[in-house]
Amino acid sequence: MNAYEIEQIEKKLRAEMRLPLSFNAWAILEHNARQDRARVVDAMISEFFAAVAAKVTAVARQVRSTAADCTQARLRHN
């Protein structure tokens, strides 16, 4: 967990709990934080690879277009 996540958990604990947490309650809280973090990381990785795929597709499209233009130019000169 990073510092921001720890800070948010501490704020939540101060606001909601007056008694010390039991081991089970702490484990549940930690589990939920880890799940939230995993969801965010998963979304970030998905967005990154979607952007990479879009860039690769655009480059491939440009290469095909350039190859087609070169082929047409050669055919006109023959």
PDB file of N, CA and C in Angstrom:
ATOM      1  N   MET A   1       0.848  -1.181   0.000  1.00  0.00           N
ATOM      2  CA  MET A   1       0.000   0.000   0.000  1.00  0.00           C
ATOM      3  C   MET A   1       0.886   1.233   0.000  1.00  0.00           C
ATOM      4  N   ASN A   2       0.403   2.262  -0.681  1.00  0.00           N
ATOM      5  CA  ASN A   2       1.176   3.500  -0.675  1.00  0.00           C
ATOM      6  C   ASN A   2       0.694   4.406   0.463  1.00  0.00           C
ATOM      7  N   ALA A   3       1.365   5.524   0.611  1.00  0.00           N
ATOM      8  CA  ALA A   3       1.077   6.427   1.733  1.00  0.00           C
ATOM      9  C   ALA A   3      -0.347   6.980   1.666  1.00  0.00           C
ATOM     10  N   TYR A   4      -0.829   7.276   0.459  1.00  0.00           N
ATOM     11  CA  TYR A   4      -2.177   7.817   0.312  1.00  0.00           C
ATOM     12  C   TYR A   4      -3.220   6.806   0.797  1.00  0.00           C
ATOM     13  N   GLU A   5      -3.052   5.542   0.381  1.00  0.00           N
ATOM     14  CA  GLU A   5      -4.007   4.516   0.803  1.00  0.00           C
ATOM     15  C   GLU A   5      -3.997   4.339   2.308  1.00  0.00           C
ATOM     16  N   ILE A   6      -2.817   4.330   2.902  1.00  0.00           N
ATOM     17  CA  ILE A   6      -2.708   4.198   4.353  1.00  0.00           C
ATOM     18  C   ILE A   6      -3.378   5.381   5.049  1.00  0.00           C
ATOM     19  N   GLU A   7      -3.159   6.587   4.519  1.00  0.00           N
ATOM     20  CA  GLU A   7      -3.767   7.783   5.101  1.00  0.00           C
ATOM     21  C   GLU A   7      -5.291   7.707   5.038  1.00  0.00           C
ATOM     22  N   GLN A   8      -5.824   7.240   3.894  1.00  0.00           N
ATOM     23  CA  GLN A   8      -7.273   7.121   3.761  1.00  0.00           C
ATOM     24  C   GLN A   8      -7.835   6.096   4.736  1.00  0.00           C
ATOM     25  N   ILE A   9      -7.135   4.991   4.902  1.00  0.00           N
ATOM     26  CA  ILE A   9      -7.588   3.973   5.855  1.00  0.00           C
ATOM     27  C   ILE A   9      -7.580   4.532   7.271  1.00  0.00           C
ATOM     28  N   GLU A  10      -6.522   5.274   7.624  1.00  0.00           N
ATOM     29  CA  GLU A  10      -6.456   5.862   8.966  1.00  0.00           C
ATOM     30  C   GLU A  10      -7.571   6.876   9.190  1.00  0.00           C
ATOM     31  N   LYS A  11      -7.874   7.694   8.181  1.00  0.00           N
ATOM     32  CA  LYS A  11      -8.980   8.649   8.311  1.00  0.00           C
ATOM     33  C   LYS A  11     -10.299   7.920   8.523  1.00  0.00           C
ATOM     34  N   LYS A  12     -10.482   6.850   7.743  1.00  0.00           N
ATOM     35  CA  LYS A  12     -11.716   6.079   7.868  1.00  0.00           C
ATOM     36  C   LYS A  12     -11.822   5.450   9.254  1.00  0.00           C
ATOM     37  N   LEU A  13     -10.713   4.945   9.754  1.00  0.00           N
ATOM     38  CA  LEU A  13     -10.722   4.333  11.083  1.00  0.00           C
ATOM     39  C   LEU A  13     -11.050   5.354  12.159  1.00  0.00           C
ATOM     40  N   ARG A  14     -10.453   6.545  12.073  1.00  0.00           N
ATOM     41  CA  ARG A  14     -10.725   7.573  13.092  1.00  0.00           C
ATOM     42  C   ARG A  14     -12.180   8.010  13.064  1.00  0.00           C
ATOM     43  N   ALA A  15     -12.739   8.099  11.876  1.00  0.00           N
ATOM     44  CA  ALA A  15     -14.119   8.579  11.750  1.00  0.00           C
ATOM     45  C   ALA A  15     -15.140   7.533  12.175  1.00  0.00           C
ATOM     46  N   GLU A  16     -14.881   6.260  11.862  1.00  0.00           N
ATOM     47  CA  GLU A  16     -15.892   5.231  12.082  1.00  0.00           C
ATOM     48  C   GLU A  16     -15.701   4.420  13.353  1.00  0.00           C
ATOM     49  N   MET A  17     -14.489   4.282  13.779  1.00  0.00           N
ATOM     50  CA  MET A  17     -14.218   3.389  14.900  1.00  0.00           C
ATOM     51  C   MET A  17     -13.729   4.160  16.122  1.00  0.00           C
ATOM     52  N   ARG A  18     -14.281   3.804  17.254  1.00  0.00           N
ATOM     53  CA  ARG A  18     -13.809   4.386  18.507  1.00  0.00           C
ATOM     54  C   ARG A  18     -12.987   3.368  19.296  1.00  0.00           C
ATOM     55  N   LEU A  19     -13.239   2.100  19.045  1.00  0.00           N
ATOM     56  CA  LEU A  19     -12.518   1.031  19.732  1.00  0.00           C
ATOM     57  C   LEU A  19     -11.453   0.464  18.798  1.00  0.00           C
ATOM     58  N   PRO A  20     -10.427  -0.142  19.364  1.00  0.00           N
ATOM     59  CA  PRO A  20      -9.425  -0.771  18.499  1.00  0.00           C
ATOM     60  C   PRO A  20     -10.061  -1.870  17.646  1.00  0.00           C
ATOM     61  N   LEU A  21      -9.537  -2.022  16.432  1.00  0.00           N
ATOM     62  CA  LEU A  21     -10.074  -3.044  15.533  1.00  0.00           C
ATOM     63  C   LEU A  21      -9.649  -4.435  15.982  1.00  0.00           C
ATOM     64  N   SER A  22     -10.544  -5.361  15.788  1.00  0.00           N
ATOM     65  CA  SER A  22     -10.177  -6.752  16.022  1.00  0.00           C
ATOM     66  C   SER A  22      -9.318  -7.223  14.851  1.00  0.00           C
ATOM     67  N   PHE A  23      -8.671  -8.353  15.022  1.00  0.00           N
ATOM     68  CA  PHE A  23      -7.824  -8.893  13.957  1.00  0.00           C
ATOM     69  C   PHE A  23      -8.640  -9.147  12.695  1.00  0.00           C
ATOM     70  N   ASN A  24      -9.843  -9.683  12.832  1.00  0.00           N
ATOM     71  CA  ASN A  24     -10.695  -9.974  11.675  1.00  0.00           C
ATOM     72  C   ASN A  24     -11.117  -8.707  10.957  1.00  0.00           C
ATOM     73  N   ALA A  25     -11.473  -7.675  11.717  1.00  0.00           N
ATOM     74  CA  ALA A  25     -11.883  -6.416  11.092  1.00  0.00           C
ATOM     75  C   ALA A  25     -10.716  -5.789  10.343  1.00  0.00           C
ATOM     76  N   TRP A  26      -9.528  -5.848  10.926  1.00  0.00           N
ATOM     77  CA  TRP A  26      -8.344  -5.297  10.253  1.00  0.00           C
ATOM     78  C   TRP A  26      -8.046  -6.091   8.981  1.00  0.00           C
ATOM     79  N   ALA A  27      -8.179  -7.409   9.033  1.00  0.00           N
ATOM     80  CA  ALA A  27      -7.932  -8.246   7.871  1.00  0.00           C
ATOM     81  C   ALA A  27      -8.917  -7.942   6.754  1.00  0.00           C
ATOM     82  N   ILE A  28     -10.175  -7.733   7.112  1.00  0.00           N
ATOM     83  CA  ILE A  28     -11.193  -7.383   6.105  1.00  0.00           C
ATOM     84  C   ILE A  28     -10.875  -6.028   5.478  1.00  0.00           C
ATOM     85  N   LEU A  29     -10.508  -5.064   6.299  1.00  0.00           N
ATOM     86  CA  LEU A  29     -10.168  -3.732   5.802  1.00  0.00           C
ATOM     87  C   LEU A  29      -8.971  -3.791   4.858  1.00  0.00           C
ATOM     88  N   GLU A  30      -7.956  -4.550   5.239  1.00  0.00           N
ATOM     89  CA  GLU A  30      -6.765  -4.693   4.399  1.00  0.00           C
ATOM     90  C   GLU A  30      -7.109  -5.416   3.093  1.00  0.00           C
ATOM     91  N   HIS A  31      -7.940  -6.430   3.178  1.00  0.00           N
ATOM     92  CA  HIS A  31      -8.359  -7.168   1.985  1.00  0.00           C
ATOM     93  C   HIS A  31      -9.100  -6.254   1.009  1.00  0.00           C
ATOM     94  N   ASN A  32     -10.002  -5.445   1.523  1.00  0.00           N
ATOM     95  CA  ASN A  32     -10.743  -4.508   0.667  1.00  0.00           C
ATOM     96  C   ASN A  32      -9.812  -3.498   0.011  1.00  0.00           C
ATOM     97  N   ALA A  33      -8.839  -2.994   0.766  1.00  0.00           N
ATOM     98  CA  ALA A  33      -7.877  -2.045   0.202  1.00  0.00           C
ATOM     99  C   ALA A  33      -7.056  -2.692  -0.906  1.00  0.00           C
ATOM    100  N   ARG A  34      -6.658  -3.914  -0.699  1.00  0.00           N
ATOM    101  CA  ARG A  34      -5.881  -4.630  -1.728  1.00  0.00           C
ATOM    102  C   ARG A  34      -6.725  -4.878  -2.973  1.00  0.00           C
ATOM    103  N   GLN A  35      -8.002  -5.207  -2.797  1.00  0.00           N
ATOM    104  CA  GLN A  35      -8.885  -5.415  -3.943  1.00  0.00           C
ATOM    105  C   GLN A  35      -9.064  -4.119  -4.733  1.00  0.00           C
ATOM    106  N   ASP A  36      -9.273  -3.014  -4.031  1.00  0.00           N
ATOM    107  CA  ASP A  36      -9.420  -1.722  -4.706  1.00  0.00           C
ATOM    108  C   ASP A  36      -8.160  -1.364  -5.476  1.00  0.00           C
ATOM    109  N   ARG A  37      -7.028  -1.584  -4.853  1.00  0.00           N
ATOM    110  CA  ARG A  37      -5.751  -1.297  -5.506  1.00  0.00           C
ATOM    111  C   ARG A  37      -5.575  -2.176  -6.749  1.00  0.00           C
ATOM    112  N   ALA A  38      -5.931  -3.443  -6.663  1.00  0.00           N
ATOM    113  CA  ALA A  38      -5.818  -4.349  -7.805  1.00  0.00           C
ATOM    114  C   ALA A  38      -6.720  -3.907  -8.949  1.00  0.00           C
ATOM    115  N   ARG A  39      -7.930  -3.440  -8.631  1.00  0.00           N
ATOM    116  CA  ARG A  39      -8.845  -2.953  -9.664  1.00  0.00           C
ATOM    117  C   ARG A  39      -8.264  -1.743 -10.385  1.00  0.00           C
ATOM    118  N   VAL A  40      -7.690  -0.822  -9.627  1.00  0.00           N
ATOM    119  CA  VAL A  40      -7.113   0.386 -10.227  1.00  0.00           C
ATOM    120  C   VAL A  40      -5.914   0.033 -11.107  1.00  0.00           C
ATOM    121  N   VAL A  41      -5.048  -0.833 -10.620  1.00  0.00           N
ATOM    122  CA  VAL A  41      -3.875  -1.247 -11.398  1.00  0.00           C
ATOM    123  C   VAL A  41      -4.325  -1.966 -12.670  1.00  0.00           C
ATOM    124  N   ASP A  42      -5.324  -2.832 -12.563  1.00  0.00           N
ATOM    125  CA  ASP A  42      -5.842  -3.542 -13.726  1.00  0.00           C
ATOM    126  C   ASP A  42      -6.377  -2.561 -14.770  1.00  0.00           C
ATOM    127  N   ALA A  43      -7.117  -1.562 -14.326  1.00  0.00           N
ATOM    128  CA  ALA A  43      -7.647  -0.566 -15.257  1.00  0.00           C
ATOM    129  C   ALA A  43      -6.518   0.219 -15.931  1.00  0.00           C
ATOM    130  N   MET A  44      -5.497   0.577 -15.162  1.00  0.00           N
ATOM    131  CA  MET A  44      -4.378   1.315 -15.732  1.00  0.00           C
ATOM    132  C   MET A  44      -3.633   0.487 -16.775  1.00  0.00           C
ATOM    133  N   ILE A  45      -3.400  -0.772 -16.476  1.00  0.00           N
ATOM    134  CA  ILE A  45      -2.701  -1.653 -17.421  1.00  0.00           C
ATOM    135  C   ILE A  45      -3.546  -1.856 -18.678  1.00  0.00           C
ATOM    136  N   SER A  46      -4.832  -2.038 -18.515  1.00  0.00           N
ATOM    137  CA  SER A  46      -5.718  -2.210 -19.669  1.00  0.00           C
ATOM    138  C   SER A  46      -5.698  -0.979 -20.567  1.00  0.00           C
ATOM    139  N   GLU A  47      -5.784   0.205 -19.963  1.00  0.00           N
ATOM    140  CA  GLU A  47      -5.744   1.447 -20.740  1.00  0.00           C
ATOM    141  C   GLU A  47      -4.403   1.597 -21.466  1.00  0.00           C
ATOM    142  N   PHE A  48      -3.308   1.230 -20.796  1.00  0.00           N
ATOM    143  CA  PHE A  48      -1.990   1.335 -21.409  1.00  0.00           C
ATOM    144  C   PHE A  48      -1.891   0.452 -22.643  1.00  0.00           C
ATOM    145  N   PHE A  49      -2.291  -0.821 -22.517  1.00  0.00           N
ATOM    146  CA  PHE A  49      -2.185  -1.723 -23.651  1.00  0.00           C
ATOM    147  C   PHE A  49      -3.171  -1.375 -24.763  1.00  0.00           C
ATOM    148  N   ALA A  50      -4.316  -0.811 -24.426  1.00  0.00           N
ATOM    149  CA  ALA A  50      -5.241  -0.351 -25.459  1.00  0.00           C
ATOM    150  C   ALA A  50      -4.621   0.803 -26.246  1.00  0.00           C
ATOM    151  N   ALA A  51      -3.939   1.712 -25.549  1.00  0.00           N
ATOM    152  CA  ALA A  51      -3.269   2.824 -26.232  1.00  0.00           C
ATOM    153  C   ALA A  51      -2.126   2.313 -27.102  1.00  0.00           C
ATOM    154  N   VAL A  52      -1.366   1.343 -26.610  1.00  0.00           N
ATOM    155  CA  VAL A  52      -0.276   0.759 -27.401  1.00  0.00           C
ATOM    156  C   VAL A  52      -0.837   0.088 -28.653  1.00  0.00           C
ATOM    157  N   ALA A  53      -1.910  -0.663 -28.506  1.00  0.00           N
ATOM    158  CA  ALA A  53      -2.524  -1.331 -29.651  1.00  0.00           C
ATOM    159  C   ALA A  53      -3.016  -0.312 -30.682  1.00  0.00           C
ATOM    160  N   ALA A  54      -3.589   0.790 -30.222  1.00  0.00           N
ATOM    161  CA  ALA A  54      -4.054   1.829 -31.138  1.00  0.00           C
ATOM    162  C   ALA A  54      -2.884   2.456 -31.896  1.00  0.00           C
ATOM    163  N   LYS A  55      -1.770   2.711 -31.202  1.00  0.00           N
ATOM    164  CA  LYS A  55      -0.589   3.282 -31.858  1.00  0.00           C
ATOM    165  C   LYS A  55      -0.013   2.317 -32.890  1.00  0.00           C
ATOM    166  N   VAL A  56       0.093   1.034 -32.537  1.00  0.00           N
ATOM    167  CA  VAL A  56       0.640   0.033 -33.465  1.00  0.00           C
ATOM    168  C   VAL A  56      -0.257  -0.075 -34.699  1.00  0.00           C
ATOM    169  N   THR A  57      -1.558  -0.061 -34.501  1.00  0.00           N
ATOM    170  CA  THR A  57      -2.496  -0.125 -35.620  1.00  0.00           C
ATOM    171  C   THR A  57      -2.338   1.089 -36.527  1.00  0.00           C
ATOM    172  N   ALA A  58      -2.195   2.264 -35.935  1.00  0.00           N
ATOM    173  CA  ALA A  58      -2.022   3.477 -36.729  1.00  0.00           C
ATOM    174  C   ALA A  58      -0.718   3.441 -37.531  1.00  0.00           C
ATOM    175  N   VAL A  59       0.354   2.966 -36.917  1.00  0.00           N
ATOM    176  CA  VAL A  59       1.638   2.866 -37.616  1.00  0.00           C
ATOM    177  C   VAL A  59       1.535   1.857 -38.753  1.00  0.00           C
ATOM    178  N   ALA A  60       0.913   0.709 -38.488  1.00  0.00           N
ATOM    179  CA  ALA A  60       0.750  -0.303 -39.530  1.00  0.00           C
ATOM    180  C   ALA A  60      -0.084   0.243 -40.692  1.00  0.00           C
ATOM    181  N   ARG A  61      -1.119   0.971 -40.381  1.00  0.00           N
ATOM    182  CA  ARG A  61      -1.958   1.575 -41.418  1.00  0.00           C
ATOM    183  C   ARG A  61      -1.148   2.558 -42.258  1.00  0.00           C
ATOM    184  N   GLN A  62      -0.312   3.351 -41.612  1.00  0.00           N
ATOM    185  CA  GLN A  62       0.527   4.318 -42.321  1.00  0.00           C
ATOM    186  C   GLN A  62       1.551   3.614 -43.207  1.00  0.00           C
ATOM    187  N   VAL A  63       2.149   2.524 -42.718  1.00  0.00           N
ATOM    188  CA  VAL A  63       3.126   1.761 -43.510  1.00  0.00           C
ATOM    189  C   VAL A  63       2.445   1.166 -44.738  1.00  0.00           C
ATOM    190  N   ARG A  64       1.267   0.585 -44.552  1.00  0.00           N
ATOM    191  CA  ARG A  64       0.531   0.024 -45.698  1.00  0.00           C
ATOM    192  C   ARG A  64       0.195   1.107 -46.720  1.00  0.00           C
ATOM    193  N   SER A  65      -0.234   2.260 -46.229  1.00  0.00           N
ATOM    194  CA  SER A  65      -0.574   3.368 -47.127  1.00  0.00           C
ATOM    195  C   SER A  65       0.648   3.820 -47.913  1.00  0.00           C
ATOM    196  N   THR A  66       1.776   3.951 -47.241  1.00  0.00           N
ATOM    197  CA  THR A  66       3.010   4.369 -47.908  1.00  0.00           C
ATOM    198  C   THR A  66       3.443   3.324 -48.931  1.00  0.00           C
ATOM    199  N   ALA A  67       3.341   2.049 -48.578  1.00  0.00           N
ATOM    200  CA  ALA A  67       3.706   0.978 -49.512  1.00  0.00           C
ATOM    201  C   ALA A  67       2.796   0.994 -50.733  1.00  0.00           C
ATOM    202  N   ALA A  68       1.505   1.219 -50.520  1.00  0.00           N
ATOM    203  CA  ALA A  68       0.569   1.282 -51.643  1.00  0.00           C
ATOM    204  C   ALA A  68       0.887   2.479 -52.536  1.00  0.00           C
ATOM    205  N   ASP A  69       1.202   3.624 -51.945  1.00  0.00           N
ATOM    206  CA  ASP A  69       1.554   4.810 -52.732  1.00  0.00           C
ATOM    207  C   ASP A  69       2.815   4.568 -53.556  1.00  0.00           C
ATOM    208  N   CYS A  70       3.804   3.924 -52.975  1.00  0.00           N
ATOM    209  CA  CYS A  70       5.046   3.633 -53.698  1.00  0.00           C
ATOM    210  C   CYS A  70       4.806   2.660 -54.843  1.00  0.00           C
ATOM    211  N   THR A  71       3.963   1.655 -54.602  1.00  0.00           N
ATOM    212  CA  THR A  71       3.646   0.688 -55.643  1.00  0.00           C
ATOM    213  C   THR A  71       2.912   1.366 -56.797  1.00  0.00           C
ATOM    214  N   GLN A  72       1.968   2.219 -56.496  1.00  0.00           N
ATOM    215  CA  GLN A  72       1.235   2.934 -57.534  1.00  0.00           C
ATOM    216  C   GLN A  72       2.154   3.853 -58.336  1.00  0.00           C
ATOM    217  N   ALA A  73       3.085   4.501 -57.667  1.00  0.00           N
ATOM    218  CA  ALA A  73       4.020   5.392 -58.351  1.00  0.00           C
ATOM    219  C   ALA A  73       4.901   4.588 -59.312  1.00  0.00           C
ATOM    220  N   ARG A  74       5.380   3.412 -58.904  1.00  0.00           N
ATOM    221  CA  ARG A  74       6.202   2.580 -59.767  1.00  0.00           C
ATOM    222  C   ARG A  74       5.403   2.086 -60.958  1.00  0.00           C
ATOM    223  N   LEU A  75       4.160   1.737 -60.769  1.00  0.00           N
ATOM    224  CA  LEU A  75       3.324   1.226 -61.856  1.00  0.00           C
ATOM    225  C   LEU A  75       3.033   2.324 -62.883  1.00  0.00           C
ATOM    226  N   ARG A  76       2.900   3.567 -62.455  1.00  0.00           N
ATOM    227  CA  ARG A  76       2.648   4.669 -63.381  1.00  0.00           C
ATOM    228  C   ARG A  76       3.843   4.938 -64.298  1.00  0.00           C
ATOM    229  N   HIS A  77       5.055   4.733 -63.800  1.00  0.00           N
ATOM    230  CA  HIS A  77       6.263   5.033 -64.580  1.00  0.00           C
ATOM    231  C   HIS A  77       6.580   3.933 -65.583  1.00  0.00           C
ATOM    232  N   ASN A  78       6.023   2.768 -65.443  1.00  0.00           N
ATOM    233  CA  ASN A  78       6.369   1.670 -66.368  1.00  0.00           C
ATOM    234  C   ASN A  78       5.653   1.824 -67.637  1.00  0.00           C
TER     235      ASN A  78
END
